[in-house]
Amino acid sequence: MFQLVCDPSGAVVEVALKELVPAVVRWGDKLDQISRVLLAHILASAQVSLLMNIGNFLFSYSHVS
């Protein structure tokens, strides 16, 4: 597939790919986990913010009436 000018047998590229591909896959798995955690935190923060806004609205509305 790949061939270096000074590596006609392709051994260096073969070894590099054997190590690189699993490393990229592991990194992708970690990235997926990080994305899930960040999304969970964002959603939780949005929920808290929404509940606080609703609470503030209800509190201010009850004092107006």
N, C-alpha and C. Protein backbone atom coordinates (compact mmCIF):
# COMPACT_ATOMS: atom_id res chain seq x y z
N MET A 1 0.82 -1.18 0.00
CA MET A 1 0.00 0.00 0.00
C MET A 1 0.87 1.25 0.00
N PHE A 2 1.67 1.44 1.05
CA PHE A 2 2.60 2.57 1.13
C PHE A 2 4.01 2.03 0.98
N GLN A 3 4.89 2.85 0.42
CA GLN A 3 6.28 2.42 0.31
C GLN A 3 7.19 3.64 0.43
N LEU A 4 8.19 3.52 1.31
CA LEU A 4 9.18 4.58 1.46
C LEU A 4 10.31 4.35 0.48
N VAL A 5 10.96 5.41 0.05
CA VAL A 5 12.08 5.30 -0.89
C VAL A 5 13.21 4.48 -0.28
N CYS A 6 13.51 4.72 1.02
CA CYS A 6 14.61 3.99 1.65
C CYS A 6 14.12 2.73 2.39
N ASP A 7 12.89 2.30 2.15
CA ASP A 7 12.34 1.10 2.78
C ASP A 7 11.65 0.26 1.70
N PRO A 8 12.42 -0.28 0.75
CA PRO A 8 11.81 -1.01 -0.36
C PRO A 8 11.01 -2.25 0.06
N SER A 9 11.35 -2.83 1.23
CA SER A 9 10.60 -4.02 1.66
C SER A 9 9.26 -3.65 2.29
N GLY A 10 9.13 -2.39 2.70
CA GLY A 10 7.87 -1.95 3.31
C GLY A 10 7.74 -2.30 4.78
N ALA A 11 8.82 -2.79 5.38
CA ALA A 11 8.75 -3.24 6.78
C ALA A 11 8.46 -2.09 7.74
N VAL A 12 9.08 -0.95 7.52
CA VAL A 12 8.87 0.19 8.42
C VAL A 12 7.43 0.65 8.35
N VAL A 13 6.89 0.77 7.15
CA VAL A 13 5.51 1.21 7.00
C VAL A 13 4.56 0.18 7.59
N GLU A 14 4.84 -1.09 7.38
CA GLU A 14 3.97 -2.15 7.91
C GLU A 14 3.93 -2.11 9.43
N VAL A 15 5.07 -1.98 10.07
CA VAL A 15 5.12 -1.91 11.53
C VAL A 15 4.44 -0.64 12.03
N ALA A 16 4.68 0.48 11.33
CA ALA A 16 4.07 1.74 11.73
C ALA A 16 2.55 1.65 11.66
N LEU A 17 2.02 1.07 10.60
CA LEU A 17 0.58 0.93 10.47
C LEU A 17 0.00 -0.02 11.52
N LYS A 18 0.73 -1.10 11.84
CA LYS A 18 0.26 -2.04 12.85
C LYS A 18 0.16 -1.36 14.22
N GLU A 19 1.00 -0.40 14.48
CA GLU A 19 0.95 0.32 15.76
C GLU A 19 0.02 1.52 15.69
N LEU A 20 -0.03 2.17 14.54
CA LEU A 20 -0.80 3.40 14.41
C LEU A 20 -2.31 3.14 14.41
N VAL A 21 -2.75 2.15 13.68
CA VAL A 21 -4.20 1.90 13.56
C VAL A 21 -4.83 1.60 14.92
N PRO A 22 -4.29 0.68 15.73
CA PRO A 22 -4.90 0.45 17.04
C PRO A 22 -4.87 1.69 17.94
N ALA A 23 -3.80 2.48 17.83
CA ALA A 23 -3.70 3.70 18.64
C ALA A 23 -4.80 4.69 18.25
N VAL A 24 -5.05 4.83 16.96
CA VAL A 24 -6.11 5.73 16.50
C VAL A 24 -7.48 5.24 16.95
N VAL A 25 -7.68 3.93 16.91
CA VAL A 25 -8.96 3.36 17.36
C VAL A 25 -9.15 3.61 18.85
N ARG A 26 -8.11 3.39 19.66
CA ARG A 26 -8.21 3.66 21.10
C ARG A 26 -8.49 5.13 21.37
N TRP A 27 -7.83 6.00 20.62
CA TRP A 27 -8.04 7.44 20.78
C TRP A 27 -9.48 7.81 20.43
N GLY A 28 -10.01 7.18 19.39
CA GLY A 28 -11.41 7.42 19.00
C GLY A 28 -12.37 6.99 20.09
N ASP A 29 -12.09 5.85 20.74
CA ASP A 29 -12.94 5.40 21.84
C ASP A 29 -12.92 6.39 22.99
N LYS A 30 -11.73 6.91 23.30
CA LYS A 30 -11.62 7.90 24.39
C LYS A 30 -12.34 9.18 24.01
N LEU A 31 -12.22 9.58 22.75
CA LEU A 31 -12.89 10.79 22.28
C LEU A 31 -14.41 10.63 22.39
N ASP A 32 -14.91 9.44 22.07
CA ASP A 32 -16.34 9.16 22.18
C ASP A 32 -16.79 9.29 23.64
N GLN A 33 -16.00 8.73 24.55
CA GLN A 33 -16.33 8.80 25.97
C GLN A 33 -16.30 10.26 26.46
N ILE A 34 -15.29 11.01 26.05
CA ILE A 34 -15.20 12.42 26.45
C ILE A 34 -16.39 13.20 25.90
N SER A 35 -16.78 12.93 24.67
CA SER A 35 -17.92 13.62 24.06
C SER A 35 -19.20 13.33 24.83
N ARG A 36 -19.38 12.07 25.24
CA ARG A 36 -20.58 11.70 26.01
C ARG A 36 -20.62 12.42 27.35
N VAL A 37 -19.48 12.49 28.03
CA VAL A 37 -19.43 13.16 29.33
C VAL A 37 -19.71 14.65 29.17
N LEU A 38 -19.09 15.27 28.17
CA LEU A 38 -19.32 16.70 27.94
C LEU A 38 -20.79 16.97 27.60
N LEU A 39 -21.38 16.14 26.77
CA LEU A 39 -22.78 16.31 26.41
C LEU A 39 -23.67 16.16 27.64
N ALA A 40 -23.37 15.19 28.49
CA ALA A 40 -24.16 15.01 29.71
C ALA A 40 -24.07 16.24 30.61
N HIS A 41 -22.88 16.81 30.73
CA HIS A 41 -22.71 18.01 31.56
C HIS A 41 -23.45 19.21 30.95
N ILE A 42 -23.39 19.34 29.65
CA ILE A 42 -24.09 20.44 28.98
C ILE A 42 -25.59 20.32 29.19
N LEU A 43 -26.12 19.11 29.01
CA LEU A 43 -27.56 18.91 29.19
C LEU A 43 -27.98 19.14 30.63
N ALA A 44 -27.18 18.68 31.58
CA ALA A 44 -27.50 18.89 32.99
C ALA A 44 -27.48 20.37 33.32
N SER A 45 -26.52 21.09 32.80
CA SER A 45 -26.42 22.53 33.04
C SER A 45 -27.63 23.25 32.43
N ALA A 46 -28.04 22.84 31.25
CA ALA A 46 -29.20 23.45 30.60
C ALA A 46 -30.47 23.18 31.41
N GLN A 47 -30.59 21.97 31.97
CA GLN A 47 -31.76 21.64 32.79
C GLN A 47 -31.80 22.51 34.03
N VAL A 48 -30.68 22.64 34.70
CA VAL A 48 -30.61 23.46 35.92
C VAL A 48 -30.95 24.90 35.59
N SER A 49 -30.40 25.41 34.51
CA SER A 49 -30.67 26.79 34.10
C SER A 49 -32.15 26.98 33.79
N LEU A 50 -32.75 26.04 33.10
CA LEU A 50 -34.16 26.12 32.76
C LEU A 50 -35.02 26.10 34.02
N LEU A 51 -34.70 25.19 34.94
CA LEU A 51 -35.47 25.10 36.18
C LEU A 51 -35.33 26.37 37.01
N MET A 52 -34.14 26.95 37.04
CA MET A 52 -33.94 28.19 37.79
C MET A 52 -34.74 29.33 37.16
N ASN A 53 -34.75 29.39 35.83
CA ASN A 53 -35.52 30.43 35.14
C ASN A 53 -37.01 30.28 35.40
N ILE A 54 -37.50 29.04 35.37
CA ILE A 54 -38.91 28.80 35.65
C ILE A 54 -39.22 29.20 37.10
N GLY A 55 -38.33 28.81 38.02
CA GLY A 55 -38.53 29.16 39.43
C GLY A 55 -38.53 30.67 39.64
N ASN A 56 -37.61 31.37 39.00
CA ASN A 56 -37.57 32.84 39.11
C ASN A 56 -38.82 33.47 38.53
N PHE A 57 -39.30 32.94 37.40
CA PHE A 57 -40.52 33.46 36.79
C PHE A 57 -41.71 33.27 37.71
N LEU A 58 -41.85 32.06 38.25
CA LEU A 58 -42.98 31.78 39.14
C LEU A 58 -42.90 32.63 40.40
N PHE A 59 -41.70 32.82 40.94
CA PHE A 59 -41.53 33.63 42.15
C PHE A 59 -41.90 35.08 41.88
N SER A 60 -41.42 35.62 40.75
CA SER A 60 -41.72 37.02 40.44
C SER A 60 -43.19 37.19 40.09
N TYR A 61 -43.79 36.21 39.44
CA TYR A 61 -45.21 36.28 39.07
C TYR A 61 -46.09 36.25 40.31
N SER A 62 -45.69 35.45 41.31
CA SER A 62 -46.50 35.35 42.54
C SER A 62 -46.45 36.63 43.34
N HIS A 63 -45.40 37.39 43.24
CA HIS A 63 -45.30 38.67 43.96
C HIS A 63 -46.01 39.80 43.25
N VAL A 64 -46.23 39.68 41.94
CA VAL A 64 -46.92 40.71 41.18
C VAL A 64 -48.40 40.66 41.44
N SER A 65 -48.95 39.47 41.55
CA SER A 65 -50.41 39.31 41.70
C SER A 65 -50.92 39.70 43.05
